[in-house]
Amino acid sequence: MRLRGCAAPCYLRHIRFDLVRRLIIFFATGFYSGYAPIAPGTAGSLVGLIVIWLGFGPLWEHSHALCLTVFAIVFAISCWISDQAEKIFDQHDSPKIVIDEVLGMAATIFGNPLTFPYLMLGFLLFRVADVIKPWPASLIDRRMRNGAGVMLDDLVAAIYANIVLQVIVRVL
């Protein structure tokens, strides 16, 4: 099938653009968990637990440096994905964009035990920190209007949650 007035390369560009758009939506919405009708951020955080269990956890056990390097690369790519998703959804920090929650959960759990109780406690701490947005997360959330802003406020919330979780792990 050929588009009228469009050479074959033009048609292929349309297919490529549509594929990239679909991939952006797939990853930005945390494998479509961002479409959850209630609490999409919580749904994205649950996806984050699965990503930790299957990806970052085993990588952390293998090499801390490699895990942090992979996280930094994925985080940078996620900033671009979030920026593109904001344009697709035509909304700043759309509730559908939950890739920030997925990586926020990973940052919360870094360096902590990968046992069920600590994963659940990390989940709870991250959700609370993400909702209350302690400074400077609140400042980032209000002032940065791009994909980096979408990602960074959750990273800051995750750092707070990680610190609290680290303290609890050492006290208990």
C-alpha atoms as a PDB file:
ATOM      1  CA  MET A   1       0.000   0.000   0.000  1.00  0.00           C
ATOM      2  CA  ARG A   2       1.324   3.391  -0.951  1.00  0.00           C
ATOM      3  CA  LEU A   3       0.229   6.757   0.390  1.00  0.00           C
ATOM      4  CA  ARG A   4      -1.002   9.116  -2.294  1.00  0.00           C
ATOM      5  CA  GLY A   5       1.664  11.620  -3.281  1.00  0.00           C
ATOM      6  CA  CYS A   6       4.208   9.969  -1.043  1.00  0.00           C
ATOM      7  CA  ALA A   7       7.202   7.999  -2.181  1.00  0.00           C
ATOM      8  CA  ALA A   8       8.099   4.760  -0.403  1.00  0.00           C
ATOM      9  CA  PRO A   9      10.642   6.430   1.948  1.00  0.00           C
ATOM     10  CA  CYS A  10       7.906   8.816   3.173  1.00  0.00           C
ATOM     11  CA  TYR A  11       5.663   5.871   4.031  1.00  0.00           C
ATOM     12  CA  LEU A  12       8.507   4.176   5.893  1.00  0.00           C
ATOM     13  CA  ARG A  13       9.126   7.360   7.885  1.00  0.00           C
ATOM     14  CA  HIS A  14       5.467   7.326   8.960  1.00  0.00           C
ATOM     15  CA  ILE A  15       5.781   3.712  10.138  1.00  0.00           C
ATOM     16  CA  ARG A  16       9.018   4.506  11.989  1.00  0.00           C
ATOM     17  CA  PHE A  17       7.455   7.600  13.640  1.00  0.00           C
ATOM     18  CA  ASP A  18       4.426   5.566  14.743  1.00  0.00           C
ATOM     19  CA  LEU A  19       6.661   2.823  16.192  1.00  0.00           C
ATOM     20  CA  VAL A  20       8.758   5.355  18.130  1.00  0.00           C
ATOM     21  CA  ARG A  21       5.574   7.015  19.421  1.00  0.00           C
ATOM     22  CA  ARG A  22       4.185   3.675  20.592  1.00  0.00           C
ATOM     23  CA  LEU A  23       7.469   2.763  22.315  1.00  0.00           C
ATOM     24  CA  ILE A  24       7.554   6.140  24.076  1.00  0.00           C
ATOM     25  CA  ILE A  25       4.005   5.597  25.358  1.00  0.00           C
ATOM     26  CA  PHE A  26       4.791   1.999  26.368  1.00  0.00           C
ATOM     27  CA  PHE A  27       7.817   2.960  28.462  1.00  0.00           C
ATOM     28  CA  ALA A  28       6.535   6.328  29.733  1.00  0.00           C
ATOM     29  CA  THR A  29       3.379   4.690  31.061  1.00  0.00           C
ATOM     30  CA  GLY A  30       5.349   1.967  32.830  1.00  0.00           C
ATOM     31  CA  PHE A  31       4.247  -0.812  30.475  1.00  0.00           C
ATOM     32  CA  TYR A  32       0.770   0.807  30.344  1.00  0.00           C
ATOM     33  CA  SER A  33       0.336   0.816  34.150  1.00  0.00           C
ATOM     34  CA  GLY A  34      -0.070   4.600  33.910  1.00  0.00           C
ATOM     35  CA  TYR A  35      -3.494   3.983  32.394  1.00  0.00           C
ATOM     36  CA  ALA A  36      -4.756   2.561  35.707  1.00  0.00           C
ATOM     37  CA  PRO A  37      -8.028   4.365  36.469  1.00  0.00           C
ATOM     38  CA  ILE A  38      -7.141   4.785  40.146  1.00  0.00           C
ATOM     39  CA  ALA A  39      -3.705   5.749  41.500  1.00  0.00           C
ATOM     40  CA  PRO A  40      -1.586   5.364  38.337  1.00  0.00           C
ATOM     41  CA  GLY A  41       1.518   6.456  40.280  1.00  0.00           C
ATOM     42  CA  THR A  42       1.010   3.604  42.712  1.00  0.00           C
ATOM     43  CA  ALA A  43       0.534   1.203  39.796  1.00  0.00           C
ATOM     44  CA  GLY A  44       3.789   2.468  38.277  1.00  0.00           C
ATOM     45  CA  SER A  45       5.548   1.973  41.612  1.00  0.00           C
ATOM     46  CA  LEU A  46       4.339  -1.640  41.669  1.00  0.00           C
ATOM     47  CA  VAL A  47       5.834  -2.083  38.200  1.00  0.00           C
ATOM     48  CA  GLY A  48       9.016  -0.618  39.682  1.00  0.00           C
ATOM     49  CA  LEU A  49       9.072  -3.423  42.259  1.00  0.00           C
ATOM     50  CA  ILE A  50       8.926  -5.966  39.442  1.00  0.00           C
ATOM     51  CA  VAL A  51      11.708  -4.167  37.546  1.00  0.00           C
ATOM     52  CA  ILE A  52      13.828  -4.201  40.719  1.00  0.00           C
ATOM     53  CA  TRP A  53      13.155  -7.884  41.359  1.00  0.00           C
ATOM     54  CA  LEU A  54      13.919  -8.965  37.790  1.00  0.00           C
ATOM     55  CA  GLY A  55      16.521  -6.414  36.674  1.00  0.00           C
ATOM     56  CA  PHE A  56      18.211  -4.078  39.095  1.00  0.00           C
ATOM     57  CA  GLY A  57      18.279  -6.537  42.013  1.00  0.00           C
ATOM     58  CA  PRO A  58      20.296  -9.245  40.245  1.00  0.00           C
ATOM     59  CA  LEU A  59      22.472  -6.565  38.642  1.00  0.00           C
ATOM     60  CA  TRP A  60      23.142  -5.005  42.090  1.00  0.00           C
ATOM     61  CA  GLU A  61      24.195  -8.398  43.440  1.00  0.00           C
ATOM     62  CA  HIS A  62      26.571  -8.823  40.487  1.00  0.00           C
ATOM     63  CA  SER A  63      28.173  -5.361  40.493  1.00  0.00           C
ATOM     64  CA  HIS A  64      27.223  -2.201  42.360  1.00  0.00           C
ATOM     65  CA  ALA A  65      29.122   0.017  39.911  1.00  0.00           C
ATOM     66  CA  LEU A  66      27.538  -1.588  36.852  1.00  0.00           C
ATOM     67  CA  CYS A  67      24.080  -1.315  38.404  1.00  0.00           C
ATOM     68  CA  LEU A  68      24.507   2.394  39.143  1.00  0.00           C
ATOM     69  CA  THR A  69      25.888   2.980  35.643  1.00  0.00           C
ATOM     70  CA  VAL A  70      22.906   1.227  34.058  1.00  0.00           C
ATOM     71  CA  PHE A  71      20.559   3.205  36.318  1.00  0.00           C
ATOM     72  CA  ALA A  72      22.169   6.514  35.263  1.00  0.00           C
ATOM     73  CA  ILE A  73      21.888   5.623  31.556  1.00  0.00           C
ATOM     74  CA  VAL A  74      18.269   4.465  31.919  1.00  0.00           C
ATOM     75  CA  PHE A  75      17.487   7.616  33.932  1.00  0.00           C
ATOM     76  CA  ALA A  76      18.909   9.870  31.199  1.00  0.00           C
ATOM     77  CA  ILE A  77      16.943   8.049  28.500  1.00  0.00           C
ATOM     78  CA  SER A  78      13.840   8.253  30.708  1.00  0.00           C
ATOM     79  CA  CYS A  79      14.189  12.049  30.879  1.00  0.00           C
ATOM     80  CA  TRP A  80      13.962  12.138  27.075  1.00  0.00           C
ATOM     81  CA  ILE A  81      11.067   9.653  27.048  1.00  0.00           C
ATOM     82  CA  SER A  82       9.189  11.725  29.642  1.00  0.00           C
ATOM     83  CA  ASP A  83       9.759  14.887  27.627  1.00  0.00           C
ATOM     84  CA  GLN A  84       8.400  13.257  24.479  1.00  0.00           C
ATOM     85  CA  ALA A  85       5.459  11.748  26.387  1.00  0.00           C
ATOM     86  CA  GLU A  86       4.497  15.191  27.712  1.00  0.00           C
ATOM     87  CA  LYS A  87       4.256  16.358  24.097  1.00  0.00           C
ATOM     88  CA  ILE A  88       2.236  13.295  23.069  1.00  0.00           C
ATOM     89  CA  PHE A  89      -0.206  13.644  25.986  1.00  0.00           C
ATOM     90  CA  ASP A  90      -0.123  17.461  25.693  1.00  0.00           C
ATOM     91  CA  GLN A  91       0.123  17.756  29.468  1.00  0.00           C
ATOM     92  CA  HIS A  92       2.964  18.556  31.853  1.00  0.00           C
ATOM     93  CA  ASP A  93       3.704  15.566  34.104  1.00  0.00           C
ATOM     94  CA  SER A  94       0.605  13.709  32.975  1.00  0.00           C
ATOM     95  CA  PRO A  95      -0.624  11.139  35.523  1.00  0.00           C
ATOM     96  CA  LYS A  96      -0.174   8.560  32.747  1.00  0.00           C
ATOM     97  CA  ILE A  97       3.601   9.149  32.803  1.00  0.00           C
ATOM     98  CA  VAL A  98       4.835   6.787  35.525  1.00  0.00           C
ATOM     99  CA  ILE A  99       8.342   5.946  34.328  1.00  0.00           C
ATOM    100  CA  ASP A 100       9.483   8.323  37.082  1.00  0.00           C
ATOM    101  CA  GLU A 101       7.777   6.115  39.691  1.00  0.00           C
ATOM    102  CA  VAL A 102       9.351   2.984  38.206  1.00  0.00           C
ATOM    103  CA  LEU A 103      12.860   4.414  38.515  1.00  0.00           C
ATOM    104  CA  GLY A 104      12.005   6.109  41.803  1.00  0.00           C
ATOM    105  CA  MET A 105      11.308   2.700  43.290  1.00  0.00           C
ATOM    106  CA  ALA A 106      14.659   1.442  42.000  1.00  0.00           C
ATOM    107  CA  ALA A 107      16.443   4.406  43.607  1.00  0.00           C
ATOM    108  CA  THR A 108      14.570   3.807  46.878  1.00  0.00           C
ATOM    109  CA  ILE A 109      15.685   0.173  47.080  1.00  0.00           C
ATOM    110  CA  PHE A 110      19.348   0.656  46.014  1.00  0.00           C
ATOM    111  CA  GLY A 111      21.643  -0.650  48.729  1.00  0.00           C
ATOM    112  CA  ASN A 112      18.811  -2.146  50.778  1.00  0.00           C
ATOM    113  CA  PRO A 113      17.908  -5.806  51.294  1.00  0.00           C
ATOM    114  CA  LEU A 114      15.808  -7.342  48.540  1.00  0.00           C
ATOM    115  CA  THR A 115      13.487  -9.109  50.950  1.00  0.00           C
ATOM    116  CA  PHE A 116       9.710  -8.830  50.871  1.00  0.00           C
ATOM    117  CA  PRO A 117       9.355  -6.765  54.086  1.00  0.00           C
ATOM    118  CA  TYR A 118      11.964  -4.204  52.993  1.00  0.00           C
ATOM    119  CA  LEU A 119      10.574  -4.021  49.458  1.00  0.00           C
ATOM    120  CA  MET A 120       7.108  -3.298  50.894  1.00  0.00           C
ATOM    121  CA  LEU A 121       8.482  -0.759  53.367  1.00  0.00           C
ATOM    122  CA  GLY A 122      10.463   0.913  50.571  1.00  0.00           C
ATOM    123  CA  PHE A 123       7.306   0.992  48.451  1.00  0.00           C
ATOM    124  CA  LEU A 124       5.371   2.686  51.266  1.00  0.00           C
ATOM    125  CA  LEU A 125       8.161   5.172  52.047  1.00  0.00           C
ATOM    126  CA  PHE A 126       8.551   6.108  48.394  1.00  0.00           C
ATOM    127  CA  ARG A 127       4.815   6.604  47.872  1.00  0.00           C
ATOM    128  CA  VAL A 128       4.634   8.867  50.927  1.00  0.00           C
ATOM    129  CA  ALA A 129       7.695  10.868  49.849  1.00  0.00           C
ATOM    130  CA  ASP A 130       6.395  11.111  46.279  1.00  0.00           C
ATOM    131  CA  VAL A 131       3.042  12.453  47.474  1.00  0.00           C
ATOM    132  CA  ILE A 132       4.356  14.966  50.038  1.00  0.00           C
ATOM    133  CA  LYS A 133       7.315  15.995  47.826  1.00  0.00           C
ATOM    134  CA  PRO A 134       9.832  17.203  50.447  1.00  0.00           C
ATOM    135  CA  TRP A 135      12.085  20.097  49.442  1.00  0.00           C
ATOM    136  CA  PRO A 136      13.697  20.293  46.879  1.00  0.00           C
ATOM    137  CA  ALA A 137      11.352  17.820  45.153  1.00  0.00           C
ATOM    138  CA  SER A 138       8.481  20.300  45.528  1.00  0.00           C
ATOM    139  CA  LEU A 139      10.590  23.074  43.997  1.00  0.00           C
ATOM    140  CA  ILE A 140      11.604  20.868  41.051  1.00  0.00           C
ATOM    141  CA  ASP A 141       7.981  19.794  40.561  1.00  0.00           C
ATOM    142  CA  ARG A 142       6.797  23.431  40.407  1.00  0.00           C
ATOM    143  CA  ARG A 143       9.606  24.971  38.359  1.00  0.00           C
ATOM    144  CA  MET A 144      10.995  22.450  35.863  1.00  0.00           C
ATOM    145  CA  ARG A 145       8.783  22.046  32.816  1.00  0.00           C
ATOM    146  CA  ASN A 146      10.354  19.204  30.874  1.00  0.00           C
ATOM    147  CA  GLY A 147      11.157  15.512  31.064  1.00  0.00           C
ATOM    148  CA  ALA A 148      14.033  16.108  33.469  1.00  0.00           C
ATOM    149  CA  GLY A 149      11.627  17.824  35.855  1.00  0.00           C
ATOM    150  CA  VAL A 150       9.226  14.889  35.656  1.00  0.00           C
ATOM    151  CA  MET A 151      12.040  12.518  36.578  1.00  0.00           C
ATOM    152  CA  LEU A 152      14.053  14.587  39.068  1.00  0.00           C
ATOM    153  CA  ASP A 153      11.305  15.331  41.596  1.00  0.00           C
ATOM    154  CA  ASP A 154      10.714  11.595  41.989  1.00  0.00           C
ATOM    155  CA  LEU A 155      14.451  10.917  42.223  1.00  0.00           C
ATOM    156  CA  VAL A 156      14.705  13.394  45.104  1.00  0.00           C
ATOM    157  CA  ALA A 157      11.695  11.776  46.823  1.00  0.00           C
ATOM    158  CA  ALA A 158      13.348   8.383  46.290  1.00  0.00           C
ATOM    159  CA  ILE A 159      16.599   9.584  47.863  1.00  0.00           C
ATOM    160  CA  TYR A 160      14.684  10.665  50.974  1.00  0.00           C
ATOM    161  CA  ALA A 161      12.868   7.306  51.069  1.00  0.00           C
ATOM    162  CA  ASN A 162      16.163   5.447  50.579  1.00  0.00           C
ATOM    163  CA  ILE A 163      17.806   7.290  53.471  1.00  0.00           C
ATOM    164  CA  VAL A 164      14.904   6.507  55.814  1.00  0.00           C
ATOM    165  CA  LEU A 165      14.927   2.873  54.683  1.00  0.00           C
ATOM    166  CA  GLN A 166      18.714   2.639  55.202  1.00  0.00           C
ATOM    167  CA  VAL A 167      18.282   3.935  58.766  1.00  0.00           C
ATOM    168  CA  ILE A 168      15.492   1.430  59.476  1.00  0.00           C
ATOM    169  CA  VAL A 169      17.565  -1.455  58.072  1.00  0.00           C
ATOM    170  CA  ARG A 170      20.482  -0.556  60.323  1.00  0.00           C
ATOM    171  CA  VAL A 171      18.341  -0.032  63.439  1.00  0.00           C
ATOM    172  CA  LEU A 172      16.381  -3.262  63.034  1.00  0.00           C
END
